[in-house]
Amino acid sequence: GLQDAAINPEMKRIIGEVRESLEGGRELSQAMARHPRVFSP
């Protein structure tokens, strides 16, 4: 839902990649860790 509602194309892309990582069996924190410029330590 957040991916569809996102106005920023880059944010939409990152949420989509986080979803794909979750579908691949990763945890949410691990999926977000692949985007260090967006999600800080």
PDB file of all heavy atoms in Angstrom:
ATOM      1  N   GLY A   1       0.815  -1.216   0.000  1.00  0.00           N
ATOM      2  CA  GLY A   1       0.000   0.000   0.000  1.00  0.00           C
ATOM      3  C   GLY A   1       0.841   1.256   0.000  1.00  0.00           C
ATOM      4  O   GLY A   1       0.549   2.229  -0.708  1.00  0.00           O
ATOM      5  N   LEU A   2       1.937   1.245   0.789  1.00  0.00           N
ATOM      6  CA  LEU A   2       2.809   2.410   0.839  1.00  0.00           C
ATOM      7  C   LEU A   2       3.553   2.602  -0.476  1.00  0.00           C
ATOM      8  O   LEU A   2       3.799   3.735  -0.893  1.00  0.00           O
ATOM      9  CB  LEU A   2       3.816   2.257   1.989  1.00  0.00           C
ATOM     10  CG  LEU A   2       3.229   2.293   3.399  1.00  0.00           C
ATOM     11  CD1 LEU A   2       4.323   2.143   4.444  1.00  0.00           C
ATOM     12  CD2 LEU A   2       2.470   3.598   3.633  1.00  0.00           C
ATOM     13  N   GLN A   3       3.884   1.487  -1.139  1.00  0.00           N
ATOM     14  CA  GLN A   3       4.557   1.596  -2.438  1.00  0.00           C
ATOM     15  C   GLN A   3       3.642   2.242  -3.469  1.00  0.00           C
ATOM     16  O   GLN A   3       4.064   3.094  -4.256  1.00  0.00           O
ATOM     17  CB  GLN A   3       5.003   0.212  -2.917  1.00  0.00           C
ATOM     18  CG  GLN A   3       5.768   0.255  -4.241  1.00  0.00           C
ATOM     19  CD  GLN A   3       6.182  -1.123  -4.697  1.00  0.00           C
ATOM     20  OE1 GLN A   3       5.839  -2.134  -4.079  1.00  0.00           O
ATOM     21  NE2 GLN A   3       6.922  -1.188  -5.801  1.00  0.00           N
ATOM     22  N   ASP A   4       2.380   1.847  -3.466  1.00  0.00           N
ATOM     23  CA  ASP A   4       1.426   2.434  -4.410  1.00  0.00           C
ATOM     24  C   ASP A   4       1.155   3.905  -4.105  1.00  0.00           C
ATOM     25  O   ASP A   4       0.922   4.703  -5.015  1.00  0.00           O
ATOM     26  CB  ASP A   4       0.112   1.650  -4.378  1.00  0.00           C
ATOM     27  CG  ASP A   4       0.273   0.230  -4.904  1.00  0.00           C
ATOM     28  OD1 ASP A   4       1.216   0.003  -5.682  1.00  0.00           O
ATOM     29  OD2 ASP A   4      -0.531  -0.643  -4.521  1.00  0.00           O
ATOM     30  N   ALA A   5       1.183   4.255  -2.803  1.00  0.00           N
ATOM     31  CA  ALA A   5       0.832   5.626  -2.410  1.00  0.00           C
ATOM     32  C   ALA A   5       2.025   6.571  -2.450  1.00  0.00           C
ATOM     33  O   ALA A   5       1.851   7.788  -2.364  1.00  0.00           O
ATOM     34  CB  ALA A   5       0.233   5.626  -1.004  1.00  0.00           C
ATOM     35  N   ALA A   6       3.251   6.037  -2.567  1.00  0.00           N
ATOM     36  CA  ALA A   6       4.449   6.880  -2.528  1.00  0.00           C
ATOM     37  C   ALA A   6       4.484   7.830  -3.720  1.00  0.00           C
ATOM     38  O   ALA A   6       4.268   7.424  -4.864  1.00  0.00           O
ATOM     39  CB  ALA A   6       5.708   6.013  -2.493  1.00  0.00           C
ATOM     40  N   ILE A   7       4.760   9.100  -3.445  1.00  0.00           N
ATOM     41  CA  ILE A   7       4.851  10.114  -4.496  1.00  0.00           C
ATOM     42  C   ILE A   7       6.264  10.173  -5.067  1.00  0.00           C
ATOM     43  O   ILE A   7       6.460  10.328  -6.271  1.00  0.00           O
ATOM     44  CB  ILE A   7       4.426  11.487  -3.945  1.00  0.00           C
ATOM     45  CG1 ILE A   7       2.977  11.435  -3.447  1.00  0.00           C
ATOM     46  CG2 ILE A   7       4.587  12.565  -5.005  1.00  0.00           C
ATOM     47  CD1 ILE A   7       2.504  12.717  -2.800  1.00  0.00           C
ATOM     48  N   ASN A   8       7.254  10.035  -4.195  1.00  0.00           N
ATOM     49  CA  ASN A   8       8.662  10.070  -4.608  1.00  0.00           C
ATOM     50  C   ASN A   8       9.007   8.765  -5.333  1.00  0.00           C
ATOM     51  O   ASN A   8       8.919   7.683  -4.748  1.00  0.00           O
ATOM     52  CB  ASN A   8       9.553  10.242  -3.372  1.00  0.00           C
ATOM     53  CG  ASN A   8      11.010  10.482  -3.742  1.00  0.00           C
ATOM     54  OD1 ASN A   8      11.478  10.052  -4.785  1.00  0.00           O
ATOM     55  ND2 ASN A   8      11.720  11.166  -2.861  1.00  0.00           N
ATOM     56  N   PRO A   9       9.406   8.829  -6.606  1.00  0.00           N
ATOM     57  CA  PRO A   9       9.733   7.596  -7.351  1.00  0.00           C
ATOM     58  C   PRO A   9      10.844   6.779  -6.710  1.00  0.00           C
ATOM     59  O   PRO A   9      10.804   5.543  -6.735  1.00  0.00           O
ATOM     60  CB  PRO A   9      10.152   8.116  -8.736  1.00  0.00           C
ATOM     61  CG  PRO A   9       9.568   9.477  -8.836  1.00  0.00           C
ATOM     62  CD  PRO A   9       9.550  10.024  -7.453  1.00  0.00           C
ATOM     63  N   GLU A  10      11.831   7.446  -6.125  1.00  0.00           N
ATOM     64  CA  GLU A  10      12.932   6.732  -5.485  1.00  0.00           C
ATOM     65  C   GLU A  10      12.455   5.990  -4.241  1.00  0.00           C
ATOM     66  O   GLU A  10      12.860   4.855  -3.981  1.00  0.00           O
ATOM     67  CB  GLU A  10      14.050   7.714  -5.128  1.00  0.00           C
ATOM     68  CG  GLU A  10      15.271   7.083  -4.494  1.00  0.00           C
ATOM     69  CD  GLU A  10      16.036   6.156  -5.426  1.00  0.00           C
ATOM     70  OE1 GLU A  10      15.685   6.073  -6.623  1.00  0.00           O
ATOM     71  OE2 GLU A  10      16.987   5.500  -4.953  1.00  0.00           O
ATOM     72  N   MET A  11      11.573   6.627  -3.466  1.00  0.00           N
ATOM     73  CA  MET A  11      11.013   5.958  -2.292  1.00  0.00           C
ATOM     74  C   MET A  11      10.152   4.780  -2.707  1.00  0.00           C
ATOM     75  O   MET A  11      10.176   3.718  -2.055  1.00  0.00           O
ATOM     76  CB  MET A  11      10.188   6.960  -1.463  1.00  0.00           C
ATOM     77  CG  MET A  11       9.782   6.436  -0.094  1.00  0.00           C
ATOM     78  SD  MET A  11      11.237   6.216   0.962  1.00  0.00           S
ATOM     79  CE  MET A  11      10.498   5.444   2.404  1.00  0.00           C
ATOM     80  N   LYS A  12       9.413   4.931  -3.793  1.00  0.00           N
ATOM     81  CA  LYS A  12       8.596   3.839  -4.318  1.00  0.00           C
ATOM     82  C   LYS A  12       9.486   2.656  -4.705  1.00  0.00           C
ATOM     83  O   LYS A  12       9.163   1.488  -4.410  1.00  0.00           O
ATOM     84  CB  LYS A  12       7.790   4.329  -5.522  1.00  0.00           C
ATOM     85  CG  LYS A  12       6.811   3.296  -6.106  1.00  0.00           C
ATOM     86  CD  LYS A  12       6.229   3.808  -7.405  1.00  0.00           C
ATOM     87  CE  LYS A  12       5.352   5.007  -7.178  1.00  0.00           C
ATOM     88  NZ  LYS A  12       4.038   4.632  -6.573  1.00  0.00           N
ATOM     89  N   ARG A  13      10.620   2.948  -5.336  1.00  0.00           N
ATOM     90  CA  ARG A  13      11.536   1.878  -5.759  1.00  0.00           C
ATOM     91  C   ARG A  13      12.124   1.150  -4.556  1.00  0.00           C
ATOM     92  O   ARG A  13      12.201  -0.083  -4.529  1.00  0.00           O
ATOM     93  CB  ARG A  13      12.659   2.468  -6.609  1.00  0.00           C
ATOM     94  CG  ARG A  13      13.650   1.427  -7.140  1.00  0.00           C
ATOM     95  CD  ARG A  13      14.837   2.106  -7.813  1.00  0.00           C
ATOM     96  NE  ARG A  13      15.660   2.838  -6.866  1.00  0.00           N
ATOM     97  CZ  ARG A  13      16.596   2.277  -6.094  1.00  0.00           C
ATOM     98  NH1 ARG A  13      16.801   0.956  -6.157  1.00  0.00           N
ATOM     99  NH2 ARG A  13      17.307   3.010  -5.264  1.00  0.00           N
ATOM    100  N   ILE A  14      12.525   1.901  -3.540  1.00  0.00           N
ATOM    101  CA  ILE A  14      13.146   1.300  -2.362  1.00  0.00           C
ATOM    102  C   ILE A  14      12.144   0.432  -1.605  1.00  0.00           C
ATOM    103  O   ILE A  14      12.476  -0.684  -1.161  1.00  0.00           O
ATOM    104  CB  ILE A  14      13.723   2.403  -1.457  1.00  0.00           C
ATOM    105  CG1 ILE A  14      14.950   3.028  -2.127  1.00  0.00           C
ATOM    106  CG2 ILE A  14      14.089   1.847  -0.087  1.00  0.00           C
ATOM    107  CD1 ILE A  14      15.512   4.212  -1.398  1.00  0.00           C
ATOM    108  N   ILE A  15      10.917   0.907  -1.450  1.00  0.00           N
ATOM    109  CA  ILE A  15       9.892   0.090  -0.775  1.00  0.00           C
ATOM    110  C   ILE A  15       9.657  -1.196  -1.554  1.00  0.00           C
ATOM    111  O   ILE A  15       9.486  -2.284  -0.971  1.00  0.00           O
ATOM    112  CB  ILE A  15       8.585   0.892  -0.616  1.00  0.00           C
ATOM    113  CG1 ILE A  15       8.796   2.093   0.309  1.00  0.00           C
ATOM    114  CG2 ILE A  15       7.474  -0.004  -0.061  1.00  0.00           C
ATOM    115  CD1 ILE A  15       7.593   2.999   0.429  1.00  0.00           C
ATOM    116  N   GLY A  16       9.668  -1.101  -2.888  1.00  0.00           N
ATOM    117  CA  GLY A  16       9.506  -2.300  -3.713  1.00  0.00           C
ATOM    118  C   GLY A  16      10.639  -3.303  -3.503  1.00  0.00           C
ATOM    119  O   GLY A  16      10.409  -4.520  -3.411  1.00  0.00           O
ATOM    120  N   GLU A  17      11.870  -2.798  -3.396  1.00  0.00           N
ATOM    121  CA  GLU A  17      13.010  -3.687  -3.162  1.00  0.00           C
ATOM    122  C   GLU A  17      12.961  -4.302  -1.764  1.00  0.00           C
ATOM    123  O   GLU A  17      13.355  -5.464  -1.574  1.00  0.00           O
ATOM    124  CB  GLU A  17      14.317  -2.922  -3.365  1.00  0.00           C
ATOM    125  CG  GLU A  17      14.556  -2.516  -4.819  1.00  0.00           C
ATOM    126  CD  GLU A  17      15.896  -1.832  -5.010  1.00  0.00           C
ATOM    127  OE1 GLU A  17      16.652  -1.717  -4.016  1.00  0.00           O
ATOM    128  OE2 GLU A  17      16.192  -1.423  -6.155  1.00  0.00           O
ATOM    129  N   VAL A  18      12.475  -3.545  -0.789  1.00  0.00           N
ATOM    130  CA  VAL A  18      12.310  -4.101   0.559  1.00  0.00           C
ATOM    131  C   VAL A  18      11.272  -5.226   0.538  1.00  0.00           C
ATOM    132  O   VAL A  18      11.463  -6.282   1.164  1.00  0.00           O
ATOM    133  CB  VAL A  18      11.904  -2.993   1.551  1.00  0.00           C
ATOM    134  CG1 VAL A  18      11.497  -3.593   2.897  1.00  0.00           C
ATOM    135  CG2 VAL A  18      13.051  -2.006   1.748  1.00  0.00           C
ATOM    136  N   ARG A  19      10.182  -5.035  -0.198  1.00  0.00           N
ATOM    137  CA  ARG A  19       9.158  -6.088  -0.328  1.00  0.00           C
ATOM    138  C   ARG A  19       9.755  -7.340  -0.968  1.00  0.00           C
ATOM    139  O   ARG A  19       9.501  -8.469  -0.508  1.00  0.00           O
ATOM    140  CB  ARG A  19       7.996  -5.593  -1.184  1.00  0.00           C
ATOM    141  CG  ARG A  19       7.035  -4.644  -0.480  1.00  0.00           C
ATOM    142  CD  ARG A  19       5.871  -4.336  -1.405  1.00  0.00           C
ATOM    143  NE  ARG A  19       5.159  -5.566  -1.776  1.00  0.00           N
ATOM    144  CZ  ARG A  19       4.455  -5.713  -2.894  1.00  0.00           C
ATOM    145  NH1 ARG A  19       4.396  -4.735  -3.774  1.00  0.00           N
ATOM    146  NH2 ARG A  19       3.822  -6.844  -3.128  1.00  0.00           N
ATOM    147  N   GLU A  20      10.534  -7.155  -2.023  1.00  0.00           N
ATOM    148  CA  GLU A  20      11.146  -8.310  -2.695  1.00  0.00           C
ATOM    149  C   GLU A  20      12.079  -9.069  -1.755  1.00  0.00           C
ATOM    150  O   GLU A  20      12.122 -10.302  -1.764  1.00  0.00           O
ATOM    151  CB  GLU A  20      11.906  -7.840  -3.935  1.00  0.00           C
ATOM    152  CG  GLU A  20      11.004  -7.302  -5.045  1.00  0.00           C
ATOM    153  CD  GLU A  20      11.807  -6.756  -6.216  1.00  0.00           C
ATOM    154  OE1 GLU A  20      13.056  -6.810  -6.149  1.00  0.00           O
ATOM    155  OE2 GLU A  20      11.191  -6.258  -7.172  1.00  0.00           O
ATOM    156  N   SER A  21      12.825  -8.333  -0.930  1.00  0.00           N
ATOM    157  CA  SER A  21      13.722  -8.984   0.027  1.00  0.00           C
ATOM    158  C   SER A  21      12.931  -9.770   1.064  1.00  0.00           C
ATOM    159  O   SER A  21      13.326 -10.876   1.462  1.00  0.00           O
ATOM    160  CB  SER A  21      14.602  -7.941   0.715  1.00  0.00           C
ATOM    161  OG  SER A  21      15.438  -7.279  -0.211  1.00  0.00           O
ATOM    162  N   LEU A  22      11.816  -9.208   1.515  1.00  0.00           N
ATOM    163  CA  LEU A  22      10.978  -9.921   2.474  1.00  0.00           C
ATOM    164  C   LEU A  22      10.389 -11.186   1.848  1.00  0.00           C
ATOM    165  O   LEU A  22      10.313 -12.245   2.498  1.00  0.00           O
ATOM    166  CB  LEU A  22       9.849  -9.006   2.972  1.00  0.00           C
ATOM    167  CG  LEU A  22      10.257  -7.856   3.896  1.00  0.00           C
ATOM    168  CD1 LEU A  22       9.049  -7.007   4.252  1.00  0.00           C
ATOM    169  CD2 LEU A  22      10.902  -8.394   5.162  1.00  0.00           C
ATOM    170  N   GLU A  23       9.978 -11.099   0.592  1.00  0.00           N
ATOM    171  CA  GLU A  23       9.453 -12.284  -0.093  1.00  0.00           C
ATOM    172  C   GLU A  23      10.532 -13.343  -0.282  1.00  0.00           C
ATOM    173  O   GLU A  23      10.236 -14.536  -0.346  1.00  0.00           O
ATOM    174  CB  GLU A  23       8.879 -11.871  -1.457  1.00  0.00           C
ATOM    175  CG  GLU A  23       7.612 -11.032  -1.356  1.00  0.00           C
ATOM    176  CD  GLU A  23       7.167 -10.502  -2.712  1.00  0.00           C
ATOM    177  OE1 GLU A  23       7.949 -10.638  -3.687  1.00  0.00           O
ATOM    178  OE2 GLU A  23       6.059  -9.938  -2.790  1.00  0.00           O
ATOM    179  N   GLY A  24      11.792 -12.895  -0.318  1.00  0.00           N
ATOM    180  CA  GLY A  24      12.910 -13.824  -0.457  1.00  0.00           C
ATOM    181  C   GLY A  24      13.347 -14.439   0.858  1.00  0.00           C
ATOM    182  O   GLY A  24      14.332 -15.188   0.886  1.00  0.00           O
ATOM    183  N   GLY A  25      12.676 -14.100   1.946  1.00  0.00           N
ATOM    184  CA  GLY A  25      12.970 -14.714   3.238  1.00  0.00           C
ATOM    185  C   GLY A  25      13.792 -13.869   4.179  1.00  0.00           C
ATOM    186  O   GLY A  25      14.125 -14.323   5.279  1.00  0.00           O
ATOM    187  N   ARG A  26      14.151 -12.645   3.803  1.00  0.00           N
ATOM    188  CA  ARG A  26      14.921 -11.789   4.694  1.00  0.00           C
ATOM    189  C   ARG A  26      14.018 -11.133   5.735  1.00  0.00           C
ATOM    190  O   ARG A  26      12.817 -10.982   5.533  1.00  0.00           O
ATOM    191  CB  ARG A  26      15.639 -10.689   3.896  1.00  0.00           C
ATOM    192  CG  ARG A  26      16.745 -11.180   2.985  1.00  0.00           C
ATOM    193  CD  ARG A  26      17.330 -10.010   2.215  1.00  0.00           C
ATOM    194  NE  ARG A  26      18.406 -10.424   1.331  1.00  0.00           N
ATOM    195  CZ  ARG A  26      19.695 -10.439   1.664  1.00  0.00           C
ATOM    196  NH1 ARG A  26      20.057 -10.039   2.870  1.00  0.00           N
ATOM    197  NH2 ARG A  26      20.624 -10.838   0.804  1.00  0.00           N
ATOM    198  N   GLU A  27      14.631 -10.732   6.851  1.00  0.00           N
ATOM    199  CA  GLU A  27      13.914  -9.949   7.842  1.00  0.00           C
ATOM    200  C   GLU A  27      13.838  -8.490   7.380  1.00  0.00           C
ATOM    201  O   GLU A  27      14.603  -8.061   6.512  1.00  0.00           O
ATOM    202  CB  GLU A  27      14.621 -10.038   9.193  1.00  0.00           C
ATOM    203  CG  GLU A  27      14.600 -11.436   9.797  1.00  0.00           C
ATOM    204  CD  GLU A  27      15.275 -11.475  11.150  1.00  0.00           C
ATOM    205  OE1 GLU A  27      15.913 -10.455  11.514  1.00  0.00           O
ATOM    206  OE2 GLU A  27      15.173 -12.498  11.840  1.00  0.00           O
ATOM    207  N   LEU A  28      12.922  -7.748   7.987  1.00  0.00           N
ATOM    208  CA  LEU A  28      12.723  -6.352   7.571  1.00  0.00           C
ATOM    209  C   LEU A  28      13.992  -5.529   7.772  1.00  0.00           C
ATOM    210  O   LEU A  28      14.358  -4.729   6.910  1.00  0.00           O
ATOM    211  CB  LEU A  28      11.563  -5.739   8.362  1.00  0.00           C
ATOM    212  CG  LEU A  28      11.225  -4.271   8.035  1.00  0.00           C
ATOM    213  CD1 LEU A  28      10.814  -4.129   6.572  1.00  0.00           C
ATOM    214  CD2 LEU A  28      10.116  -3.767   8.958  1.00  0.00           C
ATOM    215  N   SER A  29      14.666  -5.709   8.898  1.00  0.00           N
ATOM    216  CA  SER A  29      15.889  -4.937   9.158  1.00  0.00           C
ATOM    217  C   SER A  29      16.976  -5.267   8.142  1.00  0.00           C
ATOM    218  O   SER A  29      17.719  -4.380   7.704  1.00  0.00           O
ATOM    219  CB  SER A  29      16.396  -5.217  10.577  1.00  0.00           C
ATOM    220  OG  SER A  29      16.639  -6.607  10.757  1.00  0.00           O
ATOM    221  N   GLN A  30      17.085  -6.542   7.761  1.00  0.00           N
ATOM    222  CA  GLN A  30      18.080  -6.925   6.755  1.00  0.00           C
ATOM    223  C   GLN A  30      17.732  -6.346   5.393  1.00  0.00           C
ATOM    224  O   GLN A  30      18.620  -5.927   4.638  1.00  0.00           O
ATOM    225  CB  GLN A  30      18.178  -8.447   6.675  1.00  0.00           C
ATOM    226  CG  GLN A  30      18.733  -9.103   7.934  1.00  0.00           C
ATOM    227  CD  GLN A  30      18.716 -10.614   7.859  1.00  0.00           C
ATOM    228  OE1 GLN A  30      17.918 -11.212   7.131  1.00  0.00           O
ATOM    229  NE2 GLN A  30      19.592 -11.257   8.610  1.00  0.00           N
ATOM    230  N   ALA A  31      16.455  -6.314   5.072  1.00  0.00           N
ATOM    231  CA  ALA A  31      16.030  -5.736   3.791  1.00  0.00           C
ATOM    232  C   ALA A  31      16.319  -4.239   3.747  1.00  0.00           C
ATOM    233  O   ALA A  31      16.764  -3.704   2.731  1.00  0.00           O
ATOM    234  CB  ALA A  31      14.542  -6.002   3.578  1.00  0.00           C
ATOM    235  N   MET A  32      16.074  -3.559   4.869  1.00  0.00           N
ATOM    236  CA  MET A  32      16.337  -2.123   4.923  1.00  0.00           C
ATOM    237  C   MET A  32      17.834  -1.830   4.922  1.00  0.00           C
ATOM    238  O   MET A  32      18.267  -0.784   4.428  1.00  0.00           O
ATOM    239  CB  MET A  32      15.694  -1.519   6.172  1.00  0.00           C
ATOM    240  CG  MET A  32      14.183  -1.455   6.125  1.00  0.00           C
ATOM    241  SD  MET A  32      13.496  -0.744   7.642  1.00  0.00           S
ATOM    242  CE  MET A  32      11.779  -0.514   7.139  1.00  0.00           C
ATOM    243  N   ALA A  33      18.642  -2.737   5.481  1.00  0.00           N
ATOM    244  CA  ALA A  33      20.092  -2.527   5.558  1.00  0.00           C
ATOM    245  C   ALA A  33      20.736  -2.463   4.183  1.00  0.00           C
ATOM    246  O   ALA A  33      21.859  -1.965   4.048  1.00  0.00           O
ATOM    247  CB  ALA A  33      20.737  -3.633   6.381  1.00  0.00           C
ATOM    248  N   ARG A  34      20.049  -2.925   3.157  1.00  0.00           N
ATOM    249  CA  ARG A  34      20.573  -2.855   1.796  1.00  0.00           C
ATOM    250  C   ARG A  34      20.492  -1.432   1.234  1.00  0.00           C
ATOM    251  O   ARG A  34      20.975  -1.172   0.138  1.00  0.00           O
ATOM    252  CB  ARG A  34      19.799  -3.817   0.893  1.00  0.00           C
ATOM    253  CG  ARG A  34      19.889  -5.280   1.314  1.00  0.00           C
ATOM    254  CD  ARG A  34      19.034  -6.168   0.456  1.00  0.00           C
ATOM    255  NE  ARG A  34      19.472  -6.167  -0.931  1.00  0.00           N
ATOM    256  CZ  ARG A  34      18.803  -6.756  -1.926  1.00  0.00           C
ATOM    257  NH1 ARG A  34      17.667  -7.385  -1.671  1.00  0.00           N
ATOM    258  NH2 ARG A  34      19.262  -6.695  -3.157  1.00  0.00           N
ATOM    259  N   HIS A  35      19.889  -0.523   1.991  1.00  0.00           N
ATOM    260  CA  HIS A  35      19.744   0.869   1.553  1.00  0.00           C
ATOM    261  C   HIS A  35      20.274   1.792   2.652  1.00  0.00           C
ATOM    262  O   HIS A  35      19.498   2.522   3.289  1.00  0.00           O
ATOM    263  CB  HIS A  35      18.282   1.176   1.241  1.00  0.00           C
ATOM    264  CG  HIS A  35      17.664   0.236   0.254  1.00  0.00           C
ATOM    265  ND1 HIS A  35      17.861   0.339  -1.103  1.00  0.00           N
ATOM    266  CD2 HIS A  35      16.884  -0.860   0.436  1.00  0.00           C
ATOM    267  CE1 HIS A  35      17.205  -0.632  -1.719  1.00  0.00           C
ATOM    268  NE2 HIS A  35      16.621  -1.371  -0.809  1.00  0.00           N
ATOM    269  N   PRO A  36      21.590   1.789   2.882  1.00  0.00           N
ATOM    270  CA  PRO A  36      22.155   2.561   4.000  1.00  0.00           C
ATOM    271  C   PRO A  36      22.019   4.066   3.853  1.00  0.00           C
ATOM    272  O   PRO A  36      22.091   4.785   4.842  1.00  0.00           O
ATOM    273  CB  PRO A  36      23.637   2.130   4.002  1.00  0.00           C
ATOM    274  CG  PRO A  36      23.907   1.687   2.595  1.00  0.00           C
ATOM    275  CD  PRO A  36      22.631   1.066   2.119  1.00  0.00           C
ATOM    276  N   ARG A  37      21.826   4.560   2.630  1.00  0.00           N
ATOM    277  CA  ARG A  37      21.683   6.004   2.444  1.00  0.00           C
ATOM    278  C   ARG A  37      20.289   6.488   2.838  1.00  0.00           C
ATOM    279  O   ARG A  37      20.071   7.694   2.976  1.00  0.00           O
ATOM    280  CB  ARG A  37      21.985   6.394   0.994  1.00  0.00           C
ATOM    281  CG  ARG A  37      23.421   6.115   0.589  1.00  0.00           C
ATOM    282  CD  ARG A  37      23.751   6.716  -0.765  1.00  0.00           C
ATOM    283  NE  ARG A  37      25.125   6.458  -1.146  1.00  0.00           N
ATOM    284  CZ  ARG A  37      26.166   7.160  -0.727  1.00  0.00           C
ATOM    285  NH1 ARG A  37      25.960   8.182   0.083  1.00  0.00           N
ATOM    286  NH2 ARG A  37      27.386   6.860  -1.106  1.00  0.00           N
ATOM    287  N   VAL A  38      19.358   5.574   2.990  1.00  0.00           N
ATOM    288  CA  VAL A  38      17.997   5.931   3.382  1.00  0.00           C
ATOM    289  C   VAL A  38      17.744   5.579   4.847  1.00  0.00           C
ATOM    290  O   VAL A  38      17.258   6.403   5.624  1.00  0.00           O
ATOM    291  CB  VAL A  38      16.964   5.226   2.477  1.00  0.00           C
ATOM    292  CG1 VAL A  38      15.538   5.553   2.926  1.00  0.00           C
ATOM    293  CG2 VAL A  38      17.173   5.627   1.023  1.00  0.00           C
ATOM    294  N   PHE A  39      18.101   4.363   5.227  1.00  0.00           N
ATOM    295  CA  PHE A  39      17.857   3.884   6.586  1.00  0.00           C
ATOM    296  C   PHE A  39      19.185   3.887   7.351  1.00  0.00           C
ATOM    297  O   PHE A  39      20.087   3.113   7.041  1.00  0.00           O
ATOM    298  CB  PHE A  39      17.250   2.482   6.566  1.00  0.00           C
ATOM    299  CG  PHE A  39      15.975   2.394   5.780  1.00  0.00           C
ATOM    300  CD1 PHE A  39      15.956   1.798   4.523  1.00  0.00           C
ATOM    301  CD2 PHE A  39      14.795   2.913   6.277  1.00  0.00           C
ATOM    302  CE1 PHE A  39      14.785   1.717   3.789  1.00  0.00           C
ATOM    303  CE2 PHE A  39      13.614   2.840   5.553  1.00  0.00           C
ATOM    304  CZ  PHE A  39      13.612   2.245   4.300  1.00  0.00           C
ATOM    305  N   SER A  40      19.297   4.764   8.320  1.00  0.00           N
ATOM    306  CA  SER A  40      20.532   4.915   9.091  1.00  0.00           C
ATOM    307  C   SER A  40      20.725   3.724  10.030  1.00  0.00           C
ATOM    308  O   SER A  40      19.777   2.974  10.304  1.00  0.00           O
ATOM    309  CB  SER A  40      20.466   6.208   9.911  1.00  0.00           C
ATOM    310  OG  SER A  40      19.453   6.112  10.901  1.00  0.00           O
ATOM    311  N   PRO A  41      21.960   3.539  10.544  1.00  0.00           N
ATOM    312  CA  PRO A  41      22.184   2.477  11.529  1.00  0.00           C
ATOM    313  C   PRO A  41      21.265   2.593  12.739  1.00  0.00           C
ATOM    314  O   PRO A  41      20.831   1.576  13.286  1.00  0.00           O
ATOM    315  CB  PRO A  41      23.654   2.664  11.912  1.00  0.00           C
ATOM    316  CG  PRO A  41      24.274   3.275  10.692  1.00  0.00           C
ATOM    317  CD  PRO A  41      23.216   4.171  10.123  1.00  0.00           C
TER     318      PRO A  41
END
